[in-house]
Amino acid sequence: MNKNKIIKLIISLIYVIFTIVFILKINSMNIIPNKYFIIGIVILVILNIISILCLMVKNKWLKIITILIYLILTIGYIVGINYIDKTNEFIDHTFTNNQIESVKINYLLVSKNKYTEKQLYYRDVYYDKTDDHVDEAILKLNKKYTSNMKTTDSSELYKKDVFFISDFMYDELQENGKINPNDYNVLYNVELEIKFDKEETNSKKKDSYNIYLAARDFSGHRIDLNKVITVNTKTKEILITNVNRFSYLEIEGKGKNRLSSTGYYGVQYNKKAIEKELGIEIDYYFSVDTKSFVKLVDAVGGINYCSDQAYTTTHALVLGTYDDSKGKKLYVKKGCQHLNGIETLTVARERNAFKDWITQRERNCTAIMEDILNSAKKPSNITRYPDILDSMNGMYKTNIPKDTVQYGIKSLLNDKWTIKTQEIKGKYGSNSICFGREYGAVFYVDKNSSKKAGETINNLYNKTK
């Protein structure tokens, strides 16, 4: 055998090895449907056979064709392996069941009369003793200021000259119209990171499961979106149940509260409250960060959002603040339009422009979830794939097992799924919120509606082919 043939055989062998490695890499993801996986293997084998045969003949044009095939395979393998490694790294990092949900709370030293730092020393500073974490914050505060700390009723706190309050409660007071932040001076803040108990889960893959989806607001304290997503992999059905964020439910060990005001204590409290109200079992949770949501929408190239009415948002195109004077409002036309990340977030936040208020907001959020999924599936997003994964880093915490996610993705790519939605009805009123520290709007859930919604969830959960 001459030297040229040996070189050709070595080149062919190298590409056969690359092909095997690439196939093993794809198989390691465990998300590609078998029929597509097999078709891909067949195509790669055929290309390798054709390349080897063409390389061995003396025809000049066949050799050129071989070079082109090998060039395409080289580029495909390099790009493909890079994408696969990113995917595997993302799945391994995200779905390990080792994540612990946490929330950062800033305690603010606030002056009603706008004292300076020097004027603040040795003045009385009032705080709410019913706050679970305030004692820890005071210890940190005392390293900065020497003050006479005094307790007061939570409803009187903001009326004092100087007070120490969590940014969660400070935001609630602003939203309820109790204070105008322009009339107060925030002199100092103490940051605490509150870690919640880890929720273990059964790592065995299930054919059907309920996921509690919680989306936190800018502050990270309030849970402004509450949904139950029921997945049945046998019947290929998904049911999204909208739960009003102001739903006034019994919170385990803490009395009644609206769901949006309990994120301060971790998603498990909302999860258990919804389980009890609907008479269901929730297997997993998925807690989403609002800021990363904008990055995700931009990474998939925006969404196609359709509205059955024209309106101008009452919220501004801003991120990380409730001050709508810092940005312009968004006009949404009747019909379909393309929205970027911040525009999508603004639409998702909107409620005051609608007759149905928060109920319509929940519907919009469900539609946006579907719009994001549809955008992510576009072929053009193949080139954006690394950016999409990067945008999702730090976006959420979850206890969904890795194999459940892999099986779910494989099934979504392979089968036709049906997606349905339902909402729990009720009426608005006012009652004690923030565990008795404030008074505000609540949503009284209609018991017949929640019972019916729970039965629908359980029927799909237990449904077989």
Foldseek 3Di string as FASTA:
>chain_A
DDPLVVVLVVVLVVLVVLLVVLLVLVVVLLQAAPVVSVVVNVVSVVLSVQLSVLSPDPDPVSPVVSVVSVVVSVVCSVLSSVLSVLSVVLLCVAAVLPDWDKAKKKKWKKFLQPDAPVVQAAEEEEEAPVDPCVVVQVVVVCVPHHYHYDYDALQCRVVDRIYIGIVLVVVVCVVVVNDDCVSMDGHDIGMDMGTADRDAADQDADQKFKEWEFEAALNQQFGQFTWIWIAHNQVQEIEIEGEHQQAWFQFPPQGTAGRRLHSNHPCVRVQVRLCVLQVHDHRKYKYFYLVLQLLLCVLLPFFKAADQAWDKFPAFLDGNDRPRVVHHIDTDHHTIDTDHRSRLSSLLPGFVGDPRGRVVSNVSVVVVVVRSVVSCPDPVSVVSSSSNSVSCVVGIHMNHHSVNVSVVSNSVVPDDHHYYYYYFDFAKDKDAHSSNSDIDIHTHTDSVRSHVVSVVSVCSRPDHD
